[in-house]
Amino acid sequence: MAAGSEKSSGLPDRERALSIYRKYRPQYENALQRIHRRVRGLLNRHDLNPTVKFRSKGFDSYFQKLLRLSQSQDISPVVKDFIGLRIICPFLEDLERVENLLAERFTVVEIERKGLQHSFREFGYDSTHLIVQLTGLSSPEGNYGIQAVCEIQLRTILQEAWAEIEHELIYKADFSWPNESIKRKLASLNATLNLSDLIFQEIRDYQEEIRQRREQRNRLLEERIATIDPLVLTHGEDAPAMESADTFPGSLVKPKSPLEKLLIEGLNAHSANRYDAAIRSYSRILALKTDNRVRALVYNHRGMAYFSQEHYKRALHDFNRAIDFDPNNHRLFYHRGLVWRLLKRPEKALDDFDRTIELNPLQAEVFYGRAQIFFDLGNYPKAVEDCDRALEIRTDFVTAAQFRNIVSRKMLR
């Protein structure tokens, strides 16, 4: 097509389009690689692992789109999907999560939700298309326009399967549309796939509900088992709570062995404050042949039961034994540190709190507990420092903030 005919017809010239395509394609493909890495990293950081595909338009596809846009628009055509990503997720809710993440991290200039325009008698794939802004790219104008954007398509696995099949059956067909009978069958099939997506999501929602209920039951049981230091410190605040160790796997389901049966009995008695019964169950477990992890767990629980009865030396013995079997469990050192403090052995309490922090430095309660020991020893600057570290981890730690004020006033006297 001659330059004059292009000018008169308003349609792009193929040779000119090919020249422009070759000029601009490298920079857009580089941009596509960058955005793919950025999106992949974003999804990985949020524990999402969908399939991510990417492509740049081939020349024929680019030129055909220019021709279609030129014929259907009064203004100069602009290709918005010269490069694109496709993110394919298992479930509908994943699409929403991914869309929200992309909206937070990218400048979205346009959103198109394909499929919403179809009636229940029509067919067509569902898909969400985001057009996100790219920076640092040049682009041709006029009849060869390429917008500096990337199209990101979001689909479920079933939506992707439908789109691929529809593309082969209809888009590439050598006739306009199938007959009415075929159209009805395609519409029915599309509706079935959409319903399948909804059912899969409903199943997943149910699984999540069950998981949350199980976690809540575990959390409530552990809260009931957890023991509070009964002493009231000189500043009038309660000492930190003694944490609960992890419950035995499967402790909230029907017991499958004598060991599990005894442990469930012990935990139930413990959570009901029937400490003698809990201690009897724990002692029977310790008479069995078990692995080190179980022995550490049971000694820890029995130690907490003794602690609640103010049998501190017995509690100390059990926490020592628990540490022998599980020397890298930070909770065991924390519990033993509480006992040492009540036995008026602050130097040993500090050693255990130091070891707890060494094993897990993100425990606000441990820094707060160590601050109280420093306060008992008259080391007020260290107490303030540990309160500050506790508040860095938990900004809403009201007790630590109040205690810090008490220590600060003590330092001014």
Protein backbone atom coordinates (compact mmCIF):
# COMPACT_ATOMS: atom_id res chain seq x y z
CA MET A 1 0.00 0.00 0.00
CA ALA A 2 1.46 3.37 -0.98
CA ALA A 3 1.92 6.22 1.47
CA GLY A 4 -0.73 8.20 -0.37
CA SER A 5 -3.29 5.44 -0.10
CA GLU A 6 -2.59 5.12 3.64
CA LYS A 7 -3.18 8.81 4.10
CA SER A 8 -6.38 8.75 2.10
CA SER A 9 -7.79 5.55 3.59
CA GLY A 10 -6.70 6.16 7.18
CA LEU A 11 -5.45 2.57 7.42
CA PRO A 12 -1.89 1.75 8.56
CA ASP A 13 0.64 0.60 5.98
CA ARG A 14 1.98 -2.93 6.56
CA GLU A 15 5.63 -2.18 5.71
CA ARG A 16 5.61 0.92 7.89
CA ALA A 17 3.96 -1.04 10.69
CA LEU A 18 6.63 -3.76 10.44
CA SER A 19 9.40 -1.17 10.70
CA ILE A 20 7.80 0.36 13.80
CA TYR A 21 7.16 -3.06 15.32
CA ARG A 22 10.83 -4.04 14.99
CA LYS A 23 11.92 -0.74 16.49
CA TYR A 24 9.74 -0.81 19.60
CA ARG A 25 9.43 -4.52 20.35
CA PRO A 26 12.82 -4.93 22.18
CA GLN A 27 12.13 -2.26 24.81
CA TYR A 28 8.63 -3.59 25.44
CA GLU A 29 9.88 -7.16 25.79
CA ASN A 30 12.44 -5.96 28.34
CA ALA A 31 9.66 -4.19 30.22
CA LEU A 32 7.61 -7.40 30.10
CA GLN A 33 10.44 -9.38 31.67
CA ARG A 34 10.73 -6.80 34.47
CA ILE A 35 7.02 -6.72 35.25
CA HIS A 36 6.87 -10.53 35.17
CA ARG A 37 9.64 -10.76 37.79
CA ARG A 38 7.95 -8.08 39.89
CA VAL A 39 4.54 -9.78 39.79
CA ARG A 40 6.02 -13.23 40.46
CA GLY A 41 7.87 -11.89 43.49
CA LEU A 42 4.75 -10.12 44.77
CA LEU A 43 2.70 -13.30 44.56
CA ASN A 44 5.38 -15.40 46.24
CA ARG A 45 5.64 -12.97 49.15
CA HIS A 46 1.92 -13.42 49.79
CA ASP A 47 2.01 -17.23 49.58
CA LEU A 48 0.25 -17.30 46.22
CA ASN A 49 1.52 -19.67 43.56
CA PRO A 50 -0.69 -19.34 40.47
CA THR A 51 0.46 -20.09 36.96
CA VAL A 52 1.83 -16.92 35.34
CA LYS A 53 2.16 -16.71 31.55
CA PHE A 54 3.46 -13.74 29.56
CA ARG A 55 3.73 -12.77 25.93
CA SER A 56 4.29 -9.90 23.53
CA LYS A 57 2.17 -9.64 20.38
CA GLY A 58 3.53 -11.13 17.20
CA PHE A 59 3.62 -8.78 14.24
CA ASP A 60 0.59 -10.26 12.46
CA SER A 61 -1.50 -9.96 15.62
CA TYR A 62 -0.29 -6.38 16.17
CA PHE A 63 -1.03 -5.34 12.58
CA GLN A 64 -4.45 -7.02 12.48
CA LYS A 65 -5.42 -5.20 15.67
CA LEU A 66 -4.30 -1.88 14.17
CA LEU A 67 -6.51 -2.56 11.16
CA ARG A 68 -9.53 -3.49 13.29
CA LEU A 69 -9.12 -0.44 15.51
CA SER A 70 -8.64 1.84 12.50
CA GLN A 71 -11.89 0.61 10.97
CA SER A 72 -13.93 0.84 14.17
CA GLN A 73 -12.64 4.14 15.59
CA ASP A 74 -12.60 7.70 14.37
CA ILE A 75 -9.41 8.47 16.27
CA SER A 76 -5.96 6.98 15.68
CA PRO A 77 -5.70 3.39 16.96
CA VAL A 78 -3.81 2.58 20.17
CA VAL A 79 -2.84 -1.00 21.07
CA LYS A 80 -3.17 -1.53 24.84
CA ASP A 81 -2.14 -5.18 24.96
CA PHE A 82 1.13 -5.13 23.05
CA ILE A 83 2.58 -6.98 26.05
CA GLY A 84 0.61 -8.95 28.61
CA LEU A 85 0.61 -11.30 31.57
CA ARG A 86 -1.96 -13.95 32.40
CA ILE A 87 -2.35 -15.09 36.01
CA ILE A 88 -4.26 -18.37 36.37
CA CYS A 89 -5.53 -19.20 39.87
CA PRO A 90 -7.23 -22.32 41.25
CA PHE A 91 -10.11 -20.53 43.02
CA LEU A 92 -12.31 -17.47 42.59
CA GLU A 93 -11.20 -15.92 45.87
CA ASP A 94 -7.59 -16.04 44.67
CA LEU A 95 -8.55 -13.77 41.77
CA GLU A 96 -9.79 -11.15 44.22
CA ARG A 97 -6.64 -11.39 46.33
CA VAL A 98 -4.39 -11.05 43.29
CA GLU A 99 -6.41 -8.13 41.91
CA ASN A 100 -6.17 -6.29 45.24
CA LEU A 101 -2.41 -6.86 45.41
CA LEU A 102 -1.91 -5.58 41.87
CA ALA A 103 -4.08 -2.52 42.56
CA GLU A 104 -1.92 -1.73 45.60
CA ARG A 105 1.42 -2.07 43.78
CA PHE A 106 0.68 -0.79 40.28
CA THR A 107 -1.08 2.15 38.70
CA VAL A 108 -4.19 0.60 37.16
CA VAL A 109 -5.54 2.77 34.35
CA GLU A 110 -8.37 0.49 33.24
CA ILE A 111 -10.27 -2.60 34.43
CA GLU A 112 -12.44 -4.72 32.14
CA ARG A 113 -14.48 -7.63 33.47
CA LYS A 114 -15.25 -9.82 30.50
CA GLY A 115 -18.28 -12.07 30.74
CA LEU A 116 -20.45 -9.64 32.67
CA GLN A 117 -22.12 -8.54 29.45
CA HIS A 118 -23.38 -12.03 28.60
CA SER A 119 -26.90 -13.18 29.39
CA PHE A 120 -27.52 -16.68 30.68
CA ARG A 121 -28.29 -17.76 27.10
CA GLU A 122 -24.97 -16.50 25.77
CA PHE A 123 -21.48 -17.86 26.00
CA GLY A 124 -18.09 -16.21 26.40
CA TYR A 125 -15.20 -16.62 28.80
CA ASP A 126 -15.04 -14.80 32.12
CA SER A 127 -11.85 -12.91 32.74
CA THR A 128 -10.68 -9.75 34.49
CA HIS A 129 -8.28 -7.59 32.51
CA LEU A 130 -6.20 -4.92 34.24
CA ILE A 131 -4.30 -2.34 32.22
CA VAL A 132 -1.35 -1.17 34.34
CA GLN A 133 0.84 1.84 33.62
CA LEU A 134 4.50 1.37 32.63
CA THR A 135 7.16 4.06 32.93
CA GLY A 136 10.26 4.86 30.90
CA LEU A 137 8.89 3.59 27.58
CA SER A 138 8.57 5.47 24.32
CA SER A 139 5.80 4.57 21.90
CA PRO A 140 4.74 5.40 18.34
CA GLU A 141 1.69 7.53 17.71
CA GLY A 142 -0.73 8.03 14.87
CA ASN A 143 -1.81 4.94 12.98
CA TYR A 144 0.78 2.76 14.79
CA GLY A 145 0.09 3.67 18.41
CA ILE A 146 1.26 1.49 21.28
CA GLN A 147 0.26 2.57 24.77
CA ALA A 148 2.95 2.28 27.47
CA VAL A 149 0.94 -0.22 29.48
CA CYS A 150 0.78 -3.94 30.19
CA GLU A 151 -2.42 -5.96 30.15
CA ILE A 152 -2.74 -8.40 33.07
CA GLN A 153 -5.45 -11.03 32.71
CA LEU A 154 -6.83 -12.83 35.77
CA ARG A 155 -8.60 -16.17 35.34
CA THR A 156 -9.36 -19.35 37.20
CA ILE A 157 -8.13 -22.65 35.80
CA LEU A 158 -11.61 -23.41 34.47
CA GLN A 159 -11.96 -19.95 32.92
CA GLU A 160 -8.60 -20.45 31.22
CA ALA A 161 -9.64 -23.86 29.88
CA TRP A 162 -12.86 -22.40 28.49
CA ALA A 163 -11.09 -19.44 26.90
CA GLU A 164 -8.55 -21.68 25.16
CA ILE A 165 -11.23 -24.01 23.80
CA GLU A 166 -13.49 -21.14 22.75
CA HIS A 167 -10.57 -19.51 20.94
CA GLU A 168 -9.98 -22.67 18.90
CA LEU A 169 -13.66 -23.39 18.19
CA ILE A 170 -14.91 -19.90 17.45
CA TYR A 171 -12.22 -17.25 17.13
CA LYS A 172 -10.19 -19.29 14.66
CA ALA A 173 -13.20 -20.74 12.87
CA ASP A 174 -13.73 -20.03 9.18
CA PHE A 175 -17.36 -18.99 9.79
CA SER A 176 -18.90 -16.23 11.84
CA TRP A 177 -20.85 -18.11 14.55
CA PRO A 178 -22.04 -21.65 15.17
CA ASN A 179 -25.67 -22.51 14.57
CA GLU A 180 -28.29 -22.00 17.29
CA SER A 181 -28.12 -25.57 18.57
CA ILE A 182 -24.34 -25.38 19.02
CA LYS A 183 -24.66 -21.94 20.61
CA ARG A 184 -27.10 -23.29 23.20
CA LYS A 185 -24.78 -26.20 23.98
CA LEU A 186 -21.80 -23.86 24.37
CA ALA A 187 -23.82 -21.58 26.63
CA SER A 188 -24.83 -24.57 28.74
CA LEU A 189 -21.24 -25.78 28.98
CA ASN A 190 -20.03 -22.31 29.94
CA ALA A 191 -22.68 -22.08 32.65
CA THR A 192 -21.59 -25.49 33.98
CA LEU A 193 -17.97 -24.35 34.20
CA ASN A 194 -19.00 -21.16 35.99
CA LEU A 195 -21.07 -23.19 38.42
CA SER A 196 -18.13 -25.52 38.96
CA ASP A 197 -15.95 -22.56 39.94
CA LEU A 198 -18.58 -21.51 42.47
CA ILE A 199 -18.84 -25.03 43.89
CA PHE A 200 -15.07 -25.38 44.19
CA GLN A 201 -14.97 -22.05 46.03
CA GLU A 202 -17.78 -23.16 48.32
CA ILE A 203 -15.84 -26.33 49.18
CA ARG A 204 -12.74 -24.30 49.88
CA ASP A 205 -14.70 -21.89 52.09
CA TYR A 206 -16.04 -24.84 54.05
CA GLN A 207 -12.53 -26.26 54.51
CA GLU A 208 -11.31 -22.87 55.73
CA GLU A 209 -14.20 -22.64 58.17
CA ILE A 210 -13.34 -26.08 59.58
CA ARG A 211 -9.67 -25.11 59.87
CA GLN A 212 -10.51 -21.90 61.72
CA ARG A 213 -12.80 -23.77 64.11
CA ARG A 214 -10.06 -26.28 64.84
CA GLU A 215 -7.54 -23.51 65.47
CA GLN A 216 -9.98 -21.74 67.73
CA ARG A 217 -10.55 -24.90 69.78
CA ASN A 218 -6.79 -25.39 70.10
CA ARG A 219 -6.31 -21.77 71.09
CA LEU A 220 -9.04 -21.90 73.72
CA LEU A 221 -7.62 -25.10 75.18
CA GLU A 222 -4.13 -23.65 75.37
CA GLU A 223 -5.44 -20.47 76.97
CA ARG A 224 -7.19 -22.54 79.61
CA ILE A 225 -4.02 -24.55 80.20
CA ALA A 226 -1.78 -21.50 80.43
CA THR A 227 -0.92 -20.55 84.01
CA ILE A 228 -0.52 -17.05 85.39
CA ASP A 229 2.29 -16.17 87.78
CA PRO A 230 0.34 -15.65 91.05
CA LEU A 231 2.75 -13.12 92.52
CA VAL A 232 1.98 -9.43 92.44
CA LEU A 233 5.11 -7.32 91.99
CA THR A 234 6.01 -4.39 94.15
CA HIS A 235 4.68 -1.97 91.52
CA GLY A 236 1.24 -3.58 91.68
CA GLU A 237 1.24 -5.23 88.26
CA ASP A 238 0.79 -8.94 87.56
CA ALA A 239 3.80 -10.91 86.44
CA PRO A 240 3.81 -12.29 82.87
CA ALA A 241 1.76 -15.35 82.04
CA MET A 242 3.40 -18.74 81.83
CA GLU A 243 2.87 -19.88 78.29
CA SER A 244 1.48 -23.22 77.27
CA ALA A 245 3.62 -25.60 75.28
CA ASP A 246 2.29 -26.95 72.01
CA THR A 247 -0.44 -29.51 72.45
CA PHE A 248 0.19 -33.05 71.35
CA PRO A 249 -0.74 -33.64 67.69
CA GLY A 250 -4.30 -34.85 67.41
CA SER A 251 -5.10 -34.02 71.04
CA LEU A 252 -8.53 -32.71 70.09
CA VAL A 253 -9.61 -35.72 68.10
CA LYS A 254 -10.63 -39.20 69.14
CA PRO A 255 -7.60 -40.86 70.78
CA LYS A 256 -5.92 -43.57 68.75
CA SER A 257 -3.56 -44.90 71.44
CA PRO A 258 -3.25 -45.16 75.25
CA LEU A 259 -0.73 -42.33 75.14
CA GLU A 260 -3.14 -39.97 73.38
CA LYS A 261 -5.94 -41.00 75.73
CA LEU A 262 -3.83 -40.17 78.79
CA LEU A 263 -2.70 -36.87 77.33
CA ILE A 264 -6.25 -35.80 76.51
CA GLU A 265 -7.29 -36.70 80.06
CA GLY A 266 -4.41 -34.69 81.44
CA LEU A 267 -5.09 -31.66 79.27
CA ASN A 268 -8.79 -31.69 80.09
CA ALA A 269 -8.08 -31.93 83.82
CA HIS A 270 -5.42 -29.23 83.54
CA SER A 271 -7.73 -26.84 81.69
CA ALA A 272 -10.39 -27.44 84.39
CA ASN A 273 -7.83 -26.55 87.13
CA ARG A 274 -7.89 -30.14 88.47
CA TYR A 275 -4.13 -30.15 88.82
CA ASP A 276 -3.77 -33.36 90.89
CA ALA A 277 -5.66 -35.34 88.23
CA ALA A 278 -3.61 -33.72 85.48
CA ILE A 279 -0.36 -34.56 87.26
CA ARG A 280 -1.45 -38.20 87.64
CA SER A 281 -2.16 -38.46 83.90
CA TYR A 282 1.14 -36.79 82.98
CA SER A 283 3.04 -39.10 85.36
CA ARG A 284 1.46 -42.17 83.78
CA ILE A 285 2.56 -40.95 80.35
CA LEU A 286 6.12 -40.47 81.62
CA ALA A 287 6.11 -44.09 82.76
CA LEU A 288 5.58 -45.13 79.14
CA LYS A 289 8.26 -45.43 76.50
CA THR A 290 7.94 -42.29 74.35
CA ASP A 291 10.18 -40.19 72.16
CA ASN A 292 12.05 -37.11 73.39
CA ARG A 293 9.61 -34.60 71.98
CA VAL A 294 6.67 -36.13 73.80
CA ARG A 295 8.63 -36.41 77.06
CA ALA A 296 9.65 -32.76 76.85
CA LEU A 297 6.06 -31.73 76.22
CA VAL A 298 4.67 -33.78 79.13
CA TYR A 299 7.36 -32.67 81.59
CA ASN A 300 6.58 -29.09 80.60
CA HIS A 301 2.85 -29.55 81.22
CA ARG A 302 3.42 -31.30 84.52
CA GLY A 303 5.79 -28.53 85.53
CA MET A 304 3.08 -25.97 84.77
CA ALA A 305 0.63 -27.92 86.90
CA TYR A 306 3.09 -27.96 89.81
CA PHE A 307 3.70 -24.26 89.22
CA SER A 308 -0.01 -23.57 89.57
CA GLN A 309 0.01 -25.43 92.90
CA GLU A 310 3.01 -23.31 93.98
CA HIS A 311 5.21 -26.42 94.17
CA TYR A 312 8.07 -24.48 92.64
CA LYS A 313 10.86 -26.99 93.30
CA ARG A 314 8.86 -29.77 91.66
CA ALA A 315 8.12 -27.44 88.76
CA LEU A 316 11.83 -26.65 88.50
CA HIS A 317 12.67 -30.35 88.33
CA ASP A 318 10.20 -30.91 85.51
CA PHE A 319 11.34 -27.91 83.48
CA ASN A 320 14.94 -29.13 83.87
CA ARG A 321 13.93 -32.53 82.52
CA ALA A 322 11.96 -30.95 79.68
CA ILE A 323 15.03 -28.92 78.67
CA ASP A 324 17.14 -32.11 78.74
CA PHE A 325 14.85 -33.63 76.14
CA ASP A 326 14.27 -30.47 74.06
CA PRO A 327 17.19 -28.05 74.63
CA ASN A 328 16.17 -25.64 71.85
CA ASN A 329 12.62 -24.96 73.02
CA HIS A 330 12.54 -21.30 74.04
CA ARG A 331 9.31 -21.71 76.04
CA LEU A 332 10.93 -24.15 78.44
CA PHE A 333 13.64 -21.67 79.39
CA TYR A 334 11.01 -18.97 79.83
CA HIS A 335 9.00 -21.17 82.21
CA ARG A 336 12.09 -22.16 84.18
CA GLY A 337 13.10 -18.51 84.39
CA LEU A 338 9.78 -17.68 86.03
CA VAL A 339 10.38 -20.39 88.62
CA TRP A 340 13.92 -19.17 89.36
CA ARG A 341 12.55 -15.70 89.95
CA LEU A 342 9.98 -16.98 92.44
CA LEU A 343 12.72 -18.98 94.17
CA LYS A 344 14.63 -15.70 94.62
CA ARG A 345 17.39 -16.67 92.20
CA PRO A 346 17.40 -13.66 89.86
CA GLU A 347 20.80 -14.42 88.34
CA LYS A 348 19.60 -17.83 87.14
CA ALA A 349 16.31 -16.29 86.00
CA LEU A 350 18.28 -13.80 83.89
CA ASP A 351 20.32 -16.62 82.35
CA ASP A 352 17.13 -18.41 81.28
CA PHE A 353 15.51 -15.25 79.94
CA ASP A 354 18.70 -14.49 78.00
CA ARG A 355 18.61 -17.99 76.53
CA THR A 356 14.93 -17.59 75.64
CA ILE A 357 15.67 -14.37 73.75
CA GLU A 358 18.64 -15.97 72.04
CA LEU A 359 16.41 -18.75 70.72
CA ASN A 360 13.51 -16.44 69.81
CA PRO A 361 14.18 -12.67 69.95
CA LEU A 362 10.63 -11.61 69.01
CA GLN A 363 8.89 -12.22 72.33
CA ALA A 364 7.60 -9.07 73.94
CA GLU A 365 6.52 -10.93 77.10
CA VAL A 366 10.05 -12.23 77.70
CA PHE A 367 11.59 -8.77 77.48
CA TYR A 368 8.91 -7.53 79.86
CA GLY A 369 9.66 -10.40 82.27
CA ARG A 370 13.39 -9.66 82.14
CA ALA A 371 12.65 -5.99 82.78
CA GLN A 372 10.91 -7.01 86.00
CA ILE A 373 13.98 -8.97 87.11
CA PHE A 374 16.22 -5.99 86.39
CA PHE A 375 13.79 -3.88 88.40
CA ASP A 376 14.07 -6.32 91.35
CA LEU A 377 17.87 -6.00 91.12
CA GLY A 378 17.70 -2.19 91.05
CA ASN A 379 19.06 -2.01 87.48
CA TYR A 380 16.53 0.54 86.30
CA PRO A 381 18.23 1.56 83.01
CA LYS A 382 18.24 -2.09 81.87
CA ALA A 383 14.61 -2.44 82.93
CA VAL A 384 13.66 0.59 80.82
CA GLU A 385 15.67 -0.75 77.87
CA ASP A 386 13.83 -4.08 77.99
CA CYS A 387 10.45 -2.35 78.25
CA ASP A 388 11.35 -0.38 75.13
CA ARG A 389 12.28 -3.57 73.30
CA ALA A 390 9.01 -5.18 74.35
CA LEU A 391 7.09 -2.16 73.04
CA GLU A 392 8.97 -2.28 69.72
CA ILE A 393 7.65 -5.79 69.22
CA ARG A 394 4.15 -5.09 70.56
CA THR A 395 3.18 -1.45 70.32
CA ASP A 396 -0.10 -2.17 72.15
CA PHE A 397 1.61 -3.78 75.18
CA VAL A 398 -0.10 -1.56 77.75
CA THR A 399 1.33 -3.28 80.84
CA ALA A 400 4.89 -2.87 79.58
CA ALA A 401 4.25 0.81 78.87
CA GLN A 402 2.83 1.35 82.37
CA PHE A 403 5.73 -0.50 83.97
CA ARG A 404 8.20 1.61 81.99
CA ASN A 405 6.62 4.76 83.43
CA ILE A 406 6.97 3.35 86.94
CA VAL A 407 10.65 2.52 86.41
CA SER A 408 11.32 5.92 84.83
CA ARG A 409 9.79 7.69 87.84
CA LYS A 410 11.93 5.49 90.11
CA MET A 411 15.06 6.64 88.27
CA LEU A 412 14.18 10.31 88.88
CA ARG A 413 14.05 9.96 92.65
